[in-house]
C-alpha atoms as a PDB file:
ATOM      1  CA  MET A   1      -0.054  34.785  26.971  1.00  0.00           C
ATOM      2  CA  LYS A   2       3.138  32.584  25.702  1.00  0.00           C
ATOM      3  CA  ILE A   3       1.727  29.838  27.022  1.00  0.00           C
ATOM      4  CA  GLN A   4      -1.616  29.488  26.075  1.00  0.00           C
ATOM      5  CA  ARG A   5       0.377  29.723  22.364  1.00  0.00           C
ATOM      6  CA  GLY A   6       2.538  26.828  23.661  1.00  0.00           C
ATOM      7  CA  MET A   7      -0.774  25.112  24.480  1.00  0.00           C
ATOM      8  CA  ALA A   8      -3.186  25.470  20.952  1.00  0.00           C
ATOM      9  CA  VAL A   9       0.419  24.731  18.683  1.00  0.00           C
ATOM     10  CA  VAL A  10       0.865  21.031  20.930  1.00  0.00           C
ATOM     11  CA  ILE A  11      -2.664  20.692  20.567  1.00  0.00           C
ATOM     12  CA  ILE A  12      -3.029  21.411  16.739  1.00  0.00           C
ATOM     13  CA  PHE A  13      -0.236  19.482  16.360  1.00  0.00           C
ATOM     14  CA  MET A  14      -1.558  16.293  18.082  1.00  0.00           C
ATOM     15  CA  VAL A  15      -4.987  16.886  16.031  1.00  0.00           C
ATOM     16  CA  LEU A  16      -3.031  16.852  12.627  1.00  0.00           C
ATOM     17  CA  LEU A  17      -1.290  13.526  14.205  1.00  0.00           C
ATOM     18  CA  LEU A  18      -4.426  11.825  14.963  1.00  0.00           C
ATOM     19  CA  VAL A  19      -6.202  12.645  11.823  1.00  0.00           C
ATOM     20  CA  SER A  20      -3.163  11.190   9.871  1.00  0.00           C
ATOM     21  CA  ALA A  21      -3.363   8.379  12.001  1.00  0.00           C
ATOM     22  CA  CYS A  22      -6.595   7.675  11.485  1.00  0.00           C
ATOM     23  CA  THR A  23      -6.544   8.935   7.529  1.00  0.00           C
ATOM     24  CA  LYS A  24      -4.050   5.642   7.023  1.00  0.00           C
ATOM     25  CA  ASN A  25      -6.798   3.221   8.636  1.00  0.00           C
ATOM     26  CA  GLU A  26      -8.849   4.141   5.440  1.00  0.00           C
ATOM     27  CA  PRO A  27      -9.434   2.232   2.162  1.00  0.00           C
ATOM     28  CA  MET A  28      -8.066   4.264  -0.922  1.00  0.00           C
ATOM     29  CA  PRO A  29     -10.640   5.031  -3.035  1.00  0.00           C
ATOM     30  CA  LEU A  30     -10.613   3.067  -6.261  1.00  0.00           C
ATOM     31  CA  THR A  31     -10.378   5.910  -8.754  1.00  0.00           C
ATOM     32  CA  GLU A  32      -8.351   5.931 -11.484  1.00  0.00           C
ATOM     33  CA  LYS A  33      -6.961   9.536 -10.539  1.00  0.00           C
ATOM     34  CA  ASN A  34      -6.082   7.947  -7.357  1.00  0.00           C
ATOM     35  CA  ILE A  35      -4.800   3.732  -8.778  1.00  0.00           C
ATOM     36  CA  LEU A  36      -2.736   6.044 -11.497  1.00  0.00           C
ATOM     37  CA  SER A  37      -1.185   8.016  -8.514  1.00  0.00           C
ATOM     38  CA  TYR A  38      -0.782   5.315  -6.744  1.00  0.00           C
ATOM     39  CA  VAL A  39       1.362   3.649  -9.376  1.00  0.00           C
ATOM     40  CA  ASP A  40       3.256   6.312 -10.433  1.00  0.00           C
ATOM     41  CA  LYS A  41       4.636   6.947  -6.915  1.00  0.00           C
ATOM     42  CA  VAL A  42       5.326   3.133  -6.751  1.00  0.00           C
ATOM     43  CA  GLU A  43       7.763   3.271  -9.134  1.00  0.00           C
ATOM     44  CA  LYS A  44       9.805   6.045  -8.569  1.00  0.00           C
ATOM     45  CA  ALA A  45      10.036   4.389  -4.986  1.00  0.00           C
ATOM     46  CA  ALA A  46      10.869   1.040  -7.194  1.00  0.00           C
ATOM     47  CA  LYS A  47      13.629   2.687  -9.382  1.00  0.00           C
ATOM     48  CA  SER A  48      14.984   4.594  -6.003  1.00  0.00           C
ATOM     49  CA  LEU A  49      14.921   0.841  -4.643  1.00  0.00           C
ATOM     50  CA  LYS A  50      16.931  -0.279  -7.323  1.00  0.00           C
ATOM     51  CA  GLU A  51      18.981   2.050  -7.298  1.00  0.00           C
ATOM     52  CA  ARG A  52      20.590   0.867  -3.453  1.00  0.00           C
ATOM     53  CA  THR A  53      20.382  -2.567  -3.778  1.00  0.00           C
ATOM     54  CA  LYS A  54      22.595  -2.896  -7.294  1.00  0.00           C
ATOM     55  CA  LYS A  55      25.072  -3.523  -5.206  1.00  0.00           C
ATOM     56  CA  GLU A  56      23.791  -6.372  -2.883  1.00  0.00           C
ATOM     57  CA  PRO A  57      24.473  -9.621  -3.245  1.00  0.00           C
ATOM     58  CA  ILE A  58      21.592 -11.575  -5.297  1.00  0.00           C
ATOM     59  CA  GLN A  59      21.685 -14.139  -1.457  1.00  0.00           C
ATOM     60  CA  ALA A  60      20.848 -10.526  -0.162  1.00  0.00           C
ATOM     61  CA  ARG A  61      18.063  -9.929  -2.539  1.00  0.00           C
ATOM     62  CA  VAL A  62      16.241 -12.970  -2.637  1.00  0.00           C
ATOM     63  CA  ASP A  63      15.655 -13.271   1.972  1.00  0.00           C
ATOM     64  CA  GLU A  64      12.930 -13.400   2.965  1.00  0.00           C
ATOM     65  CA  LYS A  65      13.032 -11.026   5.791  1.00  0.00           C
ATOM     66  CA  LYS A  66      14.672  -8.189   3.073  1.00  0.00           C
ATOM     67  CA  VAL A  67      11.736  -9.198   0.343  1.00  0.00           C
ATOM     68  CA  ALA A  68       9.276  -7.929   2.945  1.00  0.00           C
ATOM     69  CA  GLU A  69      10.740  -4.676   3.982  1.00  0.00           C
ATOM     70  CA  ASP A  70      11.729  -3.977   0.375  1.00  0.00           C
ATOM     71  CA  PHE A  71       7.987  -4.617  -0.504  1.00  0.00           C
ATOM     72  CA  ARG A  72       6.594  -2.628   2.466  1.00  0.00           C
ATOM     73  CA  LYS A  73       9.124   0.187   1.879  1.00  0.00           C
ATOM     74  CA  THR A  74       7.574   0.148  -2.126  1.00  0.00           C
ATOM     75  CA  PHE A  75       3.830  -0.819  -2.517  1.00  0.00           C
ATOM     76  CA  VAL A  76       2.296  -0.197   1.474  1.00  0.00           C
ATOM     77  CA  LYS A  77       4.847   3.181   2.094  1.00  0.00           C
ATOM     78  CA  SER A  78       3.542   4.313  -1.828  1.00  0.00           C
ATOM     79  CA  MET A  79       0.087   3.895  -0.387  1.00  0.00           C
ATOM     80  CA  GLU A  80       0.464   5.509   2.886  1.00  0.00           C
ATOM     81  CA  ASP A  81       2.158   8.511   2.324  1.00  0.00           C
ATOM     82  CA  MET A  82      -1.220   9.222   0.342  1.00  0.00           C
ATOM     83  CA  GLY A  83      -2.694   8.771   3.597  1.00  0.00           C
ATOM     84  CA  TYR A  84      -4.440   4.210   3.149  1.00  0.00           C
ATOM     85  CA  ASN A  85      -4.628   1.768   4.468  1.00  0.00           C
ATOM     86  CA  TYR A  86      -2.257  -0.735   2.128  1.00  0.00           C
ATOM     87  CA  ASP A  87      -4.396  -3.815   3.226  1.00  0.00           C
ATOM     88  CA  LYS A  88      -8.035  -2.383   3.322  1.00  0.00           C
ATOM     89  CA  THR A  89      -7.025  -0.842  -0.339  1.00  0.00           C
ATOM     90  CA  ILE A  90      -5.733  -4.430  -1.632  1.00  0.00           C
ATOM     91  CA  ARG A  91      -8.569  -6.155  -0.060  1.00  0.00           C
ATOM     92  CA  ILE A  92     -11.047  -4.265  -1.698  1.00  0.00           C
ATOM     93  CA  ALA A  93      -9.612  -4.341  -4.790  1.00  0.00           C
ATOM     94  CA  ALA A  94      -9.402  -7.955  -4.781  1.00  0.00           C
ATOM     95  CA  ILE A  95     -13.269  -8.687  -4.178  1.00  0.00           C
ATOM     96  CA  LYS A  96     -14.319  -6.024  -7.116  1.00  0.00           C
ATOM     97  CA  TYR A  97     -11.806  -8.049  -9.388  1.00  0.00           C
ATOM     98  CA  ILE A  98     -13.200 -10.737  -8.056  1.00  0.00           C
ATOM     99  CA  GLU A  99     -16.717  -9.759  -8.384  1.00  0.00           C
ATOM    100  CA  LYS A 100     -16.517  -8.169 -12.371  1.00  0.00           C
ATOM    101  CA  ASP A 101     -17.668  -4.707 -10.252  1.00  0.00           C
ATOM    102  CA  TYR A 102     -16.588  -2.673 -12.613  1.00  0.00           C
ATOM    103  CA  SER A 103     -17.900  -1.038 -15.852  1.00  0.00           C
ATOM    104  CA  ARG A 104     -14.718  -0.181 -18.373  1.00  0.00           C
ATOM    105  CA  LEU A 105     -11.436  -2.424 -19.341  1.00  0.00           C
ATOM    106  CA  GLU A 106      -9.800   0.253 -18.098  1.00  0.00           C
ATOM    107  CA  ASP A 107     -11.117   0.157 -14.625  1.00  0.00           C
ATOM    108  CA  GLN A 108     -10.679  -3.723 -14.583  1.00  0.00           C
ATOM    109  CA  TYR A 109      -6.656  -2.809 -15.934  1.00  0.00           C
ATOM    110  CA  ASN A 110      -6.443   0.034 -12.925  1.00  0.00           C
ATOM    111  CA  LEU A 111      -7.168  -3.261 -10.460  1.00  0.00           C
ATOM    112  CA  VAL A 112      -4.698  -5.386 -11.977  1.00  0.00           C
ATOM    113  CA  ALA A 113      -2.711  -3.317 -11.483  1.00  0.00           C
ATOM    114  CA  LEU A 114      -3.329  -3.312  -7.545  1.00  0.00           C
ATOM    115  CA  LEU A 115      -3.534  -6.948  -7.739  1.00  0.00           C
ATOM    116  CA  LEU A 116      -0.476  -7.933  -9.666  1.00  0.00           C
ATOM    117  CA  PHE A 117       2.567  -8.028  -7.195  1.00  0.00           C
ATOM    118  CA  PRO A 118       0.573  -9.178  -3.991  1.00  0.00           C
ATOM    119  CA  VAL A 119      -1.400 -11.930  -5.576  1.00  0.00           C
ATOM    120  CA  GLN A 120       1.409 -13.483  -5.849  1.00  0.00           C
ATOM    121  CA  VAL A 121       3.447 -12.728  -2.963  1.00  0.00           C
ATOM    122  CA  LYS A 122       0.475 -13.135  -0.654  1.00  0.00           C
ATOM    123  CA  ASP A 123       1.718 -15.984   1.565  1.00  0.00           C
ATOM    124  CA  LEU A 124       5.014 -13.704   2.355  1.00  0.00           C
ATOM    125  CA  LEU A 125       2.668 -10.651   2.984  1.00  0.00           C
ATOM    126  CA  VAL A 126       1.092 -12.536   5.451  1.00  0.00           C
ATOM    127  CA  ARG A 127       3.729 -14.042   7.091  1.00  0.00           C
ATOM    128  CA  SER A 128       5.065 -10.044   7.562  1.00  0.00           C
ATOM    129  CA  ASN A 129       2.202  -8.832   8.343  1.00  0.00           C
ATOM    130  CA  ILE A 130       1.873  -6.675   5.581  1.00  0.00           C
ATOM    131  CA  ILE A 131      -1.506  -7.588   4.863  1.00  0.00           C
ATOM    132  CA  SER A 132      -4.382  -9.647   7.074  1.00  0.00           C
ATOM    133  CA  GLN A 133      -5.214 -13.430   6.687  1.00  0.00           C
ATOM    134  CA  GLU A 134      -8.838 -11.686   5.604  1.00  0.00           C
ATOM    135  CA  THR A 135      -7.037 -10.276   3.132  1.00  0.00           C
ATOM    136  CA  LYS A 136      -5.256 -13.600   2.020  1.00  0.00           C
ATOM    137  CA  VAL A 137      -8.269 -15.431   2.137  1.00  0.00           C
ATOM    138  CA  VAL A 138      -9.916 -12.860  -0.823  1.00  0.00           C
ATOM    139  CA  LEU A 139      -6.700 -12.791  -2.480  1.00  0.00           C
ATOM    140  CA  ASP A 140      -6.697 -16.590  -3.033  1.00  0.00           C
ATOM    141  CA  LYS A 141      -9.676 -16.216  -4.720  1.00  0.00           C
ATOM    142  CA  VAL A 142      -7.888 -13.722  -7.603  1.00  0.00           C
ATOM    143  CA  HIS A 143      -7.168 -15.320 -10.423  1.00  0.00           C
ATOM    144  CA  LEU A 144      -4.801 -12.909 -12.854  1.00  0.00           C
END
């Protein structure tokens, strides 16, 4: 009986891991609620990062690997913690922005909030394997 119960716990744990892994492969639905929640998480992560990096020399903060690591901790991890894929979400947001696929000014602002930083550092993000080349090509067409 104990073995069956133990096996059931292991199976449930494996299913939860599989479901968790699968959800991180989906883009975040671009609802106002999701975007505002994401922006809130990014702000908290950025504040925490700022506290940790205050004492670092300036050179360490401009090192490309360090910048990519900080970007991953702040932007990518915040979205993955919500259960979504960063690369796919940014690509879809960029396409919606380019095609003007939004009806309200607030929706446009929300897309800009998502795209502002990745558009500025897209080359670094590709070199660091944070976004795909496919996403970079779309970001190249975004003019904020």
